[in-house]
N, C-alpha and C. Protein backbone atom coordinates (compact mmCIF):
# COMPACT_ATOMS: atom_id res chain seq x y z
N MET A 1 -3.03 14.03 -22.22
CA MET A 1 -2.78 12.98 -23.00
C MET A 1 -4.19 12.10 -22.89
N LEU A 2 -4.94 11.92 -21.89
CA LEU A 2 -6.10 11.21 -21.63
C LEU A 2 -7.16 12.22 -22.51
N LYS A 3 -7.13 13.39 -22.27
CA LYS A 3 -8.09 14.51 -22.74
C LYS A 3 -8.24 14.50 -24.22
N ARG A 4 -6.99 14.27 -24.91
CA ARG A 4 -7.00 14.29 -26.36
C ARG A 4 -7.43 12.98 -26.95
N ARG A 5 -7.61 12.14 -26.12
CA ARG A 5 -8.28 10.80 -26.55
C ARG A 5 -9.71 10.72 -26.19
N GLY A 6 -10.23 11.86 -25.70
CA GLY A 6 -11.74 11.74 -25.47
C GLY A 6 -12.01 11.39 -24.05
N PHE A 7 -11.14 11.19 -23.25
CA PHE A 7 -11.39 10.94 -21.70
C PHE A 7 -11.41 12.12 -21.03
N ARG A 8 -12.57 12.59 -20.54
CA ARG A 8 -12.70 13.72 -19.54
C ARG A 8 -13.23 13.51 -18.22
N ARG A 9 -12.56 13.94 -17.26
CA ARG A 9 -12.88 13.92 -15.61
C ARG A 9 -14.10 14.74 -15.59
N GLU A 10 -15.11 14.21 -15.06
CA GLU A 10 -16.22 15.02 -14.48
C GLU A 10 -15.72 15.97 -13.29
N HIS A 11 -16.50 16.97 -13.12
CA HIS A 11 -15.97 18.01 -12.13
C HIS A 11 -16.14 17.42 -10.71
N SER A 12 -17.04 16.56 -10.53
CA SER A 12 -17.28 15.80 -9.21
C SER A 12 -16.47 14.73 -8.97
N GLU A 13 -15.65 14.16 -9.99
CA GLU A 13 -14.87 12.88 -9.86
C GLU A 13 -13.48 13.19 -9.07
N THR A 14 -13.21 12.40 -8.42
CA THR A 14 -11.88 12.40 -7.72
C THR A 14 -10.86 11.84 -8.86
N PRO A 15 -9.50 12.09 -8.85
CA PRO A 15 -8.69 11.34 -9.84
C PRO A 15 -8.76 10.05 -9.94
N LEU A 16 -8.98 9.17 -8.58
CA LEU A 16 -8.95 7.87 -8.58
C LEU A 16 -10.29 7.26 -8.98
N GLU A 17 -11.50 7.96 -8.76
CA GLU A 17 -12.80 7.62 -9.51
C GLU A 17 -12.53 7.84 -11.06
N PHE A 18 -12.04 8.83 -11.48
CA PHE A 18 -11.81 8.85 -12.76
C PHE A 18 -11.09 7.85 -13.67
N VAL A 19 -10.08 7.42 -12.95
CA VAL A 19 -9.07 6.40 -13.45
C VAL A 19 -9.84 5.11 -13.43
N LYS A 20 -10.62 4.80 -12.36
CA LYS A 20 -11.39 3.59 -12.17
C LYS A 20 -12.44 3.55 -13.36
N ARG A 21 -13.07 4.66 -13.62
CA ARG A 21 -14.17 4.69 -14.87
C ARG A 21 -13.58 4.34 -16.04
N ILE A 22 -12.43 4.95 -16.21
CA ILE A 22 -11.80 4.61 -17.83
C ILE A 22 -10.86 3.48 -17.84
N SER A 23 -10.61 2.94 -16.81
CA SER A 23 -9.58 1.76 -16.76
C SER A 23 -9.90 0.59 -17.83
N THR A 24 -11.10 0.41 -18.01
CA THR A 24 -11.47 -0.60 -18.90
C THR A 24 -11.32 -0.36 -20.16
N ASP A 25 -11.47 0.77 -20.61
CA ASP A 25 -11.21 1.37 -21.97
C ASP A 25 -9.72 1.27 -22.02
N LEU A 26 -8.91 1.73 -21.18
CA LEU A 26 -7.43 1.88 -21.57
C LEU A 26 -6.78 0.46 -21.32
N ASN A 27 -7.38 -0.40 -20.77
CA ASN A 27 -6.79 -1.71 -20.64
C ASN A 27 -5.11 -1.52 -20.22
N SER A 28 -4.99 -0.78 -19.18
CA SER A 28 -3.67 -0.53 -18.72
C SER A 28 -3.43 -0.10 -17.27
N PRO A 29 -2.64 -0.71 -16.44
CA PRO A 29 -2.49 -0.39 -15.23
C PRO A 29 -1.82 0.93 -14.94
N VAL A 30 -1.23 1.66 -15.91
CA VAL A 30 -0.33 2.82 -15.83
C VAL A 30 -1.25 4.07 -15.12
N PRO A 31 -2.38 4.40 -15.67
CA PRO A 31 -3.21 5.51 -14.90
C PRO A 31 -3.33 5.26 -13.40
N GLU A 32 -3.84 4.12 -13.11
CA GLU A 32 -4.13 3.60 -11.70
C GLU A 32 -2.98 3.94 -10.91
N ARG A 33 -1.81 3.37 -11.42
CA ARG A 33 -0.40 3.35 -10.63
C ARG A 33 0.00 4.93 -10.44
N VAL A 34 -0.27 5.62 -11.54
CA VAL A 34 0.16 7.08 -11.31
C VAL A 34 -0.65 7.71 -10.36
N THR A 35 -1.81 7.37 -10.14
CA THR A 35 -2.80 7.96 -9.07
C THR A 35 -2.45 7.57 -7.91
N GLU A 36 -2.29 6.27 -7.95
CA GLU A 36 -1.74 5.62 -6.48
C GLU A 36 -0.61 6.42 -5.85
N LEU A 37 0.43 6.57 -6.75
CA LEU A 37 1.83 7.36 -6.47
C LEU A 37 1.42 8.63 -6.21
N TYR A 38 0.42 9.42 -6.81
CA TYR A 38 0.09 10.83 -6.59
C TYR A 38 -0.44 10.87 -5.18
N TYR A 39 -1.45 9.91 -4.74
CA TYR A 39 -2.11 10.10 -3.63
C TYR A 39 -1.04 9.72 -2.44
N GLY A 40 -0.20 9.00 -2.72
CA GLY A 40 0.72 8.55 -1.56
C GLY A 40 1.55 9.79 -1.25
N ASN A 41 1.85 10.38 -2.31
CA ASN A 41 2.88 11.65 -2.16
C ASN A 41 2.01 12.74 -1.68
N ARG A 42 0.85 12.98 -2.19
CA ARG A 42 0.20 14.35 -1.93
C ARG A 42 -0.52 14.22 -0.53
N PHE A 43 -1.06 12.99 -0.21
CA PHE A 43 -1.89 12.98 1.05
C PHE A 43 -1.15 12.12 2.21
N GLY A 44 -0.26 11.21 1.70
CA GLY A 44 0.45 10.27 2.73
C GLY A 44 2.05 10.74 3.02
N CYS A 45 2.35 11.89 2.36
CA CYS A 45 3.78 12.41 2.49
C CYS A 45 4.82 11.37 2.20
N VAL A 46 4.47 10.54 1.27
CA VAL A 46 5.32 9.33 0.81
C VAL A 46 6.05 9.97 -0.32
N PRO A 47 7.29 10.13 -0.19
CA PRO A 47 8.24 10.76 -1.15
C PRO A 47 8.33 9.97 -2.42
N LEU A 48 8.42 10.63 -3.79
CA LEU A 48 8.44 9.80 -4.83
C LEU A 48 10.06 9.42 -4.90
N GLN A 49 10.29 8.21 -5.57
CA GLN A 49 11.56 7.84 -5.59
C GLN A 49 12.03 7.95 -7.16
N ALA A 50 13.18 7.82 -7.42
CA ALA A 50 13.58 7.92 -8.87
C ALA A 50 13.06 6.60 -9.66
N SER A 51 12.97 5.59 -8.98
CA SER A 51 12.43 4.09 -9.52
C SER A 51 10.85 4.57 -9.87
N HIS A 52 10.14 5.44 -9.09
CA HIS A 52 8.69 5.63 -9.27
C HIS A 52 8.57 6.42 -10.61
N LEU A 53 9.50 7.48 -10.49
CA LEU A 53 9.34 8.53 -11.82
C LEU A 53 9.86 7.50 -13.11
N SER A 54 10.68 6.77 -13.00
CA SER A 54 11.03 5.90 -14.00
C SER A 54 9.81 5.08 -14.67
N GLU A 55 9.21 4.48 -13.47
CA GLU A 55 7.85 3.75 -13.77
C GLU A 55 6.87 4.44 -14.40
N ILE A 56 6.67 5.67 -13.91
CA ILE A 56 5.62 6.67 -14.36
C ILE A 56 6.06 6.98 -16.09
N TYR A 57 7.26 7.35 -16.16
CA TYR A 57 7.59 7.79 -17.83
C TYR A 57 7.55 6.61 -18.70
N ASP A 58 8.09 5.52 -18.21
CA ASP A 58 7.84 4.26 -18.96
C ASP A 58 6.52 3.96 -19.43
N GLY A 59 5.67 4.06 -18.38
CA GLY A 59 4.33 3.60 -18.52
C GLY A 59 3.51 4.62 -19.50
N LEU A 60 3.84 5.85 -19.33
CA LEU A 60 3.20 6.89 -20.22
C LEU A 60 3.81 6.72 -21.64
N ARG A 61 5.01 6.31 -21.63
CA ARG A 61 5.44 6.03 -23.03
C ARG A 61 4.85 4.72 -23.81
N GLN A 62 4.61 3.84 -23.06
CA GLN A 62 3.89 2.75 -23.59
C GLN A 62 2.44 3.10 -23.89
N LEU A 63 1.93 3.83 -23.10
CA LEU A 63 0.40 4.23 -23.54
C LEU A 63 0.56 5.14 -24.85
N ARG A 64 1.44 6.03 -24.87
CA ARG A 64 1.37 6.83 -26.43
C ARG A 64 1.75 5.86 -27.44
N LYS A 65 2.58 5.00 -27.25
CA LYS A 65 2.84 4.11 -28.43
C LYS A 65 1.63 3.22 -28.84
N ARG A 66 0.80 2.79 -27.84
CA ARG A 66 -0.36 2.01 -28.11
C ARG A 66 -1.63 2.90 -28.85
N ARG A 67 -1.54 3.95 -28.33
CA ARG A 67 -2.73 4.92 -28.73
C ARG A 67 -2.42 5.70 -29.88
N GLY A 68 -1.03 5.85 -30.27
CA GLY A 68 -0.61 6.68 -31.50
C GLY A 68 -0.64 8.00 -31.22
C-alpha cells in the first residue's frame, strides 16, 4: 500500500526507521502503531489480540480512504 504511493523503505532501514521517516507525509498514527504491534509480537513474544487486528484493519481502511 505504501509502495504504490511512492514510499519505499531503504535496504538499510528498519521498519521503525522507515515509518518515522514517512510519518510526517502520512499524517497518521496507523503505520507506527502497526510497527509497534509487529515489534511486540515478533521480538517481545506479545501475542496479537483480536482487538489489535481490528485496530490494524480499521486504520488501514482509513488510510486507503484518505489516499484514494
